[in-house]
Amino acid sequence: MADDSARTGAAGKPAKPCPICGKPSVAAAKPFCSDRCRDVDLNRWLSGSYAIPAREGEEEESE
């Protein structure tokens, strides 16, 4: 049952699923389920897979 405590939140609720694979997250790699999923997410950020789309024609105004 010690394994269950790593998969539950502070209030005893089930942990949120890993955003990469959907398995329950663990405290050591939160919010991911493993170091592998954490590395996959980092690679997606560094490779530009995660990006906020910009609208053409809208420019930031600086004062």
PDB file of N, CA and C in Angstrom:
ATOM      1  N   MET A   1       0.808  -1.206   0.000  1.00  0.00           N
ATOM      2  CA  MET A   1       0.000   0.000   0.000  1.00  0.00           C
ATOM      3  C   MET A   1       0.849   1.268   0.000  1.00  0.00           C
ATOM      4  N   ALA A   2       2.140   1.131   0.243  1.00  0.00           N
ATOM      5  CA  ALA A   2       3.009   2.305   0.227  1.00  0.00           C
ATOM      6  C   ALA A   2       3.045   2.924  -1.160  1.00  0.00           C
ATOM      7  N   ASP A   3       2.862   2.104  -2.189  1.00  0.00           N
ATOM      8  CA  ASP A   3       2.863   2.601  -3.559  1.00  0.00           C
ATOM      9  C   ASP A   3       1.670   3.501  -3.812  1.00  0.00           C
ATOM     10  N   ASP A   4       0.525   3.235  -3.151  1.00  0.00           N
ATOM     11  CA  ASP A   4      -0.664   4.063  -3.318  1.00  0.00           C
ATOM     12  C   ASP A   4      -0.451   5.483  -2.811  1.00  0.00           C
ATOM     13  N   SER A   5       0.342   5.660  -1.747  1.00  0.00           N
ATOM     14  CA  SER A   5       0.553   6.995  -1.203  1.00  0.00           C
ATOM     15  C   SER A   5       1.323   7.878  -2.181  1.00  0.00           C
ATOM     16  N   ALA A   6       2.160   7.278  -3.024  1.00  0.00           N
ATOM     17  CA  ALA A   6       2.899   8.061  -4.014  1.00  0.00           C
ATOM     18  C   ALA A   6       1.998   8.482  -5.166  1.00  0.00           C
ATOM     19  N   ARG A   7       0.851   7.819  -5.319  1.00  0.00           N
ATOM     20  CA  ARG A   7      -0.050   8.106  -6.434  1.00  0.00           C
ATOM     21  C   ARG A   7      -1.272   8.916  -6.012  1.00  0.00           C
ATOM     22  N   THR A   8      -1.292   9.397  -4.797  1.00  0.00           N
ATOM     23  CA  THR A   8      -2.408  10.217  -4.345  1.00  0.00           C
ATOM     24  C   THR A   8      -1.906  11.590  -3.951  1.00  0.00           C
ATOM     25  N   GLY A   9      -2.795  12.561  -4.020  1.00  0.00           N
ATOM     26  CA  GLY A   9      -2.436  13.921  -3.657  1.00  0.00           C
ATOM     27  C   GLY A   9      -2.437  14.107  -2.159  1.00  0.00           C
ATOM     28  N   ALA A  10      -2.193  15.331  -1.711  1.00  0.00           N
ATOM     29  CA  ALA A  10      -2.110  15.638  -0.292  1.00  0.00           C
ATOM     30  C   ALA A  10      -3.436  15.399   0.417  1.00  0.00           C
ATOM     31  N   ALA A  11      -4.539  15.593  -0.259  1.00  0.00           N
ATOM     32  CA  ALA A  11      -5.845  15.420   0.363  1.00  0.00           C
ATOM     33  C   ALA A  11      -6.374  13.998   0.183  1.00  0.00           C
ATOM     34  N   GLY A  12      -5.535  13.078  -0.287  1.00  0.00           N
ATOM     35  CA  GLY A  12      -5.952  11.708  -0.479  1.00  0.00           C
ATOM     36  C   GLY A  12      -6.689  11.465  -1.787  1.00  0.00           C
ATOM     37  N   LYS A  13      -6.771  12.473  -2.628  1.00  0.00           N
ATOM     38  CA  LYS A  13      -7.419  12.324  -3.935  1.00  0.00           C
ATOM     39  C   LYS A  13      -6.464  11.601  -4.873  1.00  0.00           C
ATOM     40  N   PRO A  14      -6.993  10.903  -5.863  1.00  0.00           N
ATOM     41  CA  PRO A  14      -6.099  10.281  -6.845  1.00  0.00           C
ATOM     42  C   PRO A  14      -5.293  11.354  -7.572  1.00  0.00           C
ATOM     43  N   ALA A  15      -4.049  11.021  -7.884  1.00  0.00           N
ATOM     44  CA  ALA A  15      -3.176  11.962  -8.592  1.00  0.00           C
ATOM     45  C   ALA A  15      -3.705  12.215  -9.997  1.00  0.00           C
ATOM     46  N   LYS A  16      -3.436  13.397 -10.518  1.00  0.00           N
ATOM     47  CA  LYS A  16      -3.833  13.715 -11.889  1.00  0.00           C
ATOM     48  C   LYS A  16      -3.029  12.843 -12.839  1.00  0.00           C
ATOM     49  N   PRO A  17      -3.595  12.524 -13.975  1.00  0.00           N
ATOM     50  CA  PRO A  17      -2.856  11.687 -14.924  1.00  0.00           C
ATOM     51  C   PRO A  17      -1.682  12.434 -15.557  1.00  0.00           C
ATOM     52  N   CYS A  18      -0.702  11.669 -15.969  1.00  0.00           N
ATOM     53  CA  CYS A  18       0.464  12.210 -16.658  1.00  0.00           C
ATOM     54  C   CYS A  18      -0.006  12.873 -17.953  1.00  0.00           C
ATOM     55  N   PRO A  19       0.430  14.108 -18.244  1.00  0.00           N
ATOM     56  CA  PRO A  19      -0.027  14.783 -19.466  1.00  0.00           C
ATOM     57  C   PRO A  19       0.518  14.156 -20.750  1.00  0.00           C
ATOM     58  N   ILE A  20       1.523  13.297 -20.648  1.00  0.00           N
ATOM     59  CA  ILE A  20       2.111  12.673 -21.831  1.00  0.00           C
ATOM     60  C   ILE A  20       1.438  11.338 -22.148  1.00  0.00           C
ATOM     61  N   CYS A  21       1.340  10.445 -21.146  1.00  0.00           N
ATOM     62  CA  CYS A  21       0.838   9.093 -21.426  1.00  0.00           C
ATOM     63  C   CYS A  21      -0.473   8.753 -20.740  1.00  0.00           C
ATOM     64  N   GLY A  22      -0.896   9.549 -19.743  1.00  0.00           N
ATOM     65  CA  GLY A  22      -2.168   9.312 -19.079  1.00  0.00           C
ATOM     66  C   GLY A  22      -2.105   8.410 -17.861  1.00  0.00           C
ATOM     67  N   LYS A  23      -0.932   7.854 -17.538  1.00  0.00           N
ATOM     68  CA  LYS A  23      -0.792   7.032 -16.334  1.00  0.00           C
ATOM     69  C   LYS A  23      -0.844   7.946 -15.112  1.00  0.00           C
ATOM     70  N   PRO A  24      -1.132   7.396 -13.924  1.00  0.00           N
ATOM     71  CA  PRO A  24      -1.133   8.230 -12.711  1.00  0.00           C
ATOM     72  C   PRO A  24       0.247   8.830 -12.461  1.00  0.00           C
ATOM     73  N   SER A  25       0.290  10.099 -12.071  1.00  0.00           N
ATOM     74  CA  SER A  25       1.570  10.750 -11.809  1.00  0.00           C
ATOM     75  C   SER A  25       2.134  10.287 -10.476  1.00  0.00           C
ATOM     76  N   VAL A  26       3.439  10.440 -10.316  1.00  0.00           N
ATOM     77  CA  VAL A  26       4.109  10.096  -9.065  1.00  0.00           C
ATOM     78  C   VAL A  26       4.807  11.337  -8.531  1.00  0.00           C
ATOM     79  N   ALA A  27       4.972  11.393  -7.213  1.00  0.00           N
ATOM     80  CA  ALA A  27       5.537  12.576  -6.567  1.00  0.00           C
ATOM     81  C   ALA A  27       6.949  12.884  -7.059  1.00  0.00           C
ATOM     82  N   ALA A  28       7.753  11.871  -7.342  1.00  0.00           N
ATOM     83  CA  ALA A  28       9.144  12.082  -7.738  1.00  0.00           C
ATOM     84  C   ALA A  28       9.265  12.779  -9.097  1.00  0.00           C
ATOM     85  N   ALA A  29       8.267  12.641  -9.963  1.00  0.00           N
ATOM     86  CA  ALA A  29       8.343  13.237 -11.300  1.00  0.00           C
ATOM     87  C   ALA A  29       7.142  14.124 -11.587  1.00  0.00           C
ATOM     88  N   LYS A  30       6.460  14.580 -10.552  1.00  0.00           N
ATOM     89  CA  LYS A  30       5.222  15.338 -10.695  1.00  0.00           C
ATOM     90  C   LYS A  30       5.355  16.476 -11.684  1.00  0.00           C
ATOM     91  N   PRO A  31       4.473  16.703 -12.582  1.00  0.00           N
ATOM     92  CA  PRO A  31       3.164  16.083 -12.791  1.00  0.00           C
ATOM     93  C   PRO A  31       3.206  14.867 -13.714  1.00  0.00           C
ATOM     94  N   PHE A  32       4.390  14.334 -13.963  1.00  0.00           N
ATOM     95  CA  PHE A  32       4.540  13.213 -14.882  1.00  0.00           C
ATOM     96  C   PHE A  32       4.597  11.902 -14.115  1.00  0.00           C
ATOM     97  N   CYS A  33       4.561  10.780 -14.852  1.00  0.00           N
ATOM     98  CA  CYS A  33       4.599   9.467 -14.217  1.00  0.00           C
ATOM     99  C   CYS A  33       6.017   8.921 -14.135  1.00  0.00           C
ATOM    100  N   SER A  34       6.936   9.481 -14.910  1.00  0.00           N
ATOM    101  CA  SER A  34       8.309   8.975 -14.926  1.00  0.00           C
ATOM    102  C   SER A  34       9.249  10.037 -15.480  1.00  0.00           C
ATOM    103  N   ASP A  35      10.542   9.773 -15.324  1.00  0.00           N
ATOM    104  CA  ASP A  35      11.542  10.680 -15.897  1.00  0.00           C
ATOM    105  C   ASP A  35      11.465  10.669 -17.415  1.00  0.00           C
ATOM    106  N   ARG A  36      11.087   9.540 -18.010  1.00  0.00           N
ATOM    107  CA  ARG A  36      10.971   9.456 -19.465  1.00  0.00           C
ATOM    108  C   ARG A  36       9.931  10.446 -19.970  1.00  0.00           C
ATOM    109  N   CYS A  37       8.740  10.456 -19.352  1.00  0.00           N
ATOM    110  CA  CYS A  37       7.688  11.377 -19.786  1.00  0.00           C
ATOM    111  C   CYS A  37       8.096  12.823 -19.540  1.00  0.00           C
ATOM    112  N   ARG A  38       8.826  13.071 -18.463  1.00  0.00           N
ATOM    113  CA  ARG A  38       9.317  14.421 -18.197  1.00  0.00           C
ATOM    114  C   ARG A  38      10.271  14.861 -19.308  1.00  0.00           C
ATOM    115  N   ASP A  39      11.153  13.942 -19.751  1.00  0.00           N
ATOM    116  CA  ASP A  39      12.089  14.252 -20.826  1.00  0.00           C
ATOM    117  C   ASP A  39      11.383  14.440 -22.166  1.00  0.00           C
ATOM    118  N   VAL A  40      10.337  13.657 -22.422  1.00  0.00           N
ATOM    119  CA  VAL A  40       9.553  13.811 -23.652  1.00  0.00           C
ATOM    120  C   VAL A  40       8.939  15.211 -23.693  1.00  0.00           C
ATOM    121  N   ASP A  41       8.394  15.662 -22.563  1.00  0.00           N
ATOM    122  CA  ASP A  41       7.789  16.996 -22.488  1.00  0.00           C
ATOM    123  C   ASP A  41       8.842  18.084 -22.700  1.00  0.00           C
ATOM    124  N   LEU A  42      10.002  17.924 -22.082  1.00  0.00           N
ATOM    125  CA  LEU A  42      11.079  18.901 -22.256  1.00  0.00           C
ATOM    126  C   LEU A  42      11.497  18.978 -23.719  1.00  0.00           C
ATOM    127  N   ASN A  43      11.611  17.828 -24.375  1.00  0.00           N
ATOM    128  CA  ASN A  43      11.984  17.808 -25.790  1.00  0.00           C
ATOM    129  C   ASN A  43      10.938  18.536 -26.633  1.00  0.00           C
ATOM    130  N   ARG A  44       9.673  18.371 -26.301  1.00  0.00           N
ATOM    131  CA  ARG A  44       8.614  19.057 -27.057  1.00  0.00           C
ATOM    132  C   ARG A  44       8.734  20.567 -26.901  1.00  0.00           C
ATOM    133  N   TRP A  45       9.062  21.041 -25.692  1.00  0.00           N
ATOM    134  CA  TRP A  45       9.242  22.483 -25.491  1.00  0.00           C
ATOM    135  C   TRP A  45      10.453  22.982 -26.268  1.00  0.00           C
ATOM    136  N   LEU A  46      11.564  22.252 -26.178  1.00  0.00           N
ATOM    137  CA  LEU A  46      12.803  22.712 -26.820  1.00  0.00           C
ATOM    138  C   LEU A  46      12.752  22.632 -28.337  1.00  0.00           C
ATOM    139  N   SER A  47      11.978  21.693 -28.879  1.00  0.00           N
ATOM    140  CA  SER A  47      11.900  21.548 -30.330  1.00  0.00           C
ATOM    141  C   SER A  47      10.852  22.472 -30.954  1.00  0.00           C
ATOM    142  N   GLY A  48      10.070  23.147 -30.122  1.00  0.00           N
ATOM    143  CA  GLY A  48       9.077  24.082 -30.630  1.00  0.00           C
ATOM    144  C   GLY A  48       7.719  23.460 -30.912  1.00  0.00           C
ATOM    145  N   SER A  49       7.503  22.227 -30.458  1.00  0.00           N
ATOM    146  CA  SER A  49       6.201  21.586 -30.659  1.00  0.00           C
ATOM    147  C   SER A  49       5.103  22.320 -29.887  1.00  0.00           C
ATOM    148  N   TYR A  50       5.466  22.866 -28.730  1.00  0.00           N
ATOM    149  CA  TYR A  50       4.520  23.657 -27.954  1.00  0.00           C
ATOM    150  C   TYR A  50       4.773  25.119 -28.313  1.00  0.00           C
ATOM    151  N   ALA A  51       3.796  25.759 -28.877  1.00  0.00           N
ATOM    152  CA  ALA A  51       3.951  27.160 -29.238  1.00  0.00           C
ATOM    153  C   ALA A  51       2.604  27.853 -29.151  1.00  0.00           C
ATOM    154  N   ILE A  52       2.635  29.104 -28.803  1.00  0.00           N
ATOM    155  CA  ILE A  52       1.417  29.906 -28.771  1.00  0.00           C
ATOM    156  C   ILE A  52       1.264  30.533 -30.145  1.00  0.00           C
ATOM    157  N   PRO A  53       0.166  30.242 -30.825  1.00  0.00           N
ATOM    158  CA  PRO A  53       0.005  30.795 -32.176  1.00  0.00           C
ATOM    159  C   PRO A  53      -0.150  32.313 -32.140  1.00  0.00           C
ATOM    160  N   ALA A  54       0.492  32.960 -33.071  1.00  0.00           N
ATOM    161  CA  ALA A  54       0.392  34.417 -33.193  1.00  0.00           C
ATOM    162  C   ALA A  54      -0.553  34.752 -34.329  1.00  0.00           C
ATOM    163  N   ARG A  55      -1.262  35.838 -34.168  1.00  0.00           N
ATOM    164  CA  ARG A  55      -2.162  36.289 -35.231  1.00  0.00           C
ATOM    165  C   ARG A  55      -1.406  37.276 -36.093  1.00  0.00           C
ATOM    166  N   GLU A  56      -1.559  37.112 -37.376  1.00  0.00           N
ATOM    167  CA  GLU A  56      -0.901  38.017 -38.297  1.00  0.00           C
ATOM    168  C   GLU A  56      -1.555  39.398 -38.225  1.00  0.00           C
ATOM    169  N   GLY A  57      -0.749  40.441 -38.245  1.00  0.00           N
ATOM    170  CA  GLY A  57      -1.273  41.792 -38.228  1.00  0.00           C
ATOM    171  C   GLY A  57      -1.355  42.415 -36.855  1.00  0.00           C
ATOM    172  N   GLU A  58      -1.265  41.593 -35.819  1.00  0.00           N
ATOM    173  CA  GLU A  58      -1.298  42.147 -34.467  1.00  0.00           C
ATOM    174  C   GLU A  58       0.135  42.291 -33.974  1.00  0.00           C
ATOM    175  N   GLU A  59       0.500  43.503 -33.655  1.00  0.00           N
ATOM    176  CA  GLU A  59       1.835  43.769 -33.141  1.00  0.00           C
ATOM    177  C   GLU A  59       1.717  44.323 -31.747  1.00  0.00           C
ATOM    178  N   GLU A  60       2.705  44.006 -30.914  1.00  0.00           N
ATOM    179  CA  GLU A  60       2.714  44.537 -29.562  1.00  0.00           C
ATOM    180  C   GLU A  60       3.042  46.020 -29.591  1.00  0.00           C
ATOM    181  N   GLU A  61       2.355  46.779 -28.776  1.00  0.00           N
ATOM    182  CA  GLU A  61       2.637  48.197 -28.675  1.00  0.00           C
ATOM    183  C   GLU A  61       3.576  48.418 -27.491  1.00  0.00           C
ATOM    184  N   SER A  62       4.688  49.045 -27.735  1.00  0.00           N
ATOM    185  CA  SER A  62       5.613  49.356 -26.647  1.00  0.00           C
ATOM    186  C   SER A  62       5.651  50.871 -26.448  1.00  0.00           C
ATOM    187  N   GLU A  63       5.653  51.246 -25.211  1.00  0.00           N
ATOM    188  CA  GLU A  63       5.641  52.683 -24.909  1.00  0.00           C
ATOM    189  C   GLU A  63       6.958  53.123 -24.370  1.00  0.00           C
TER     190      GLU A  63
END
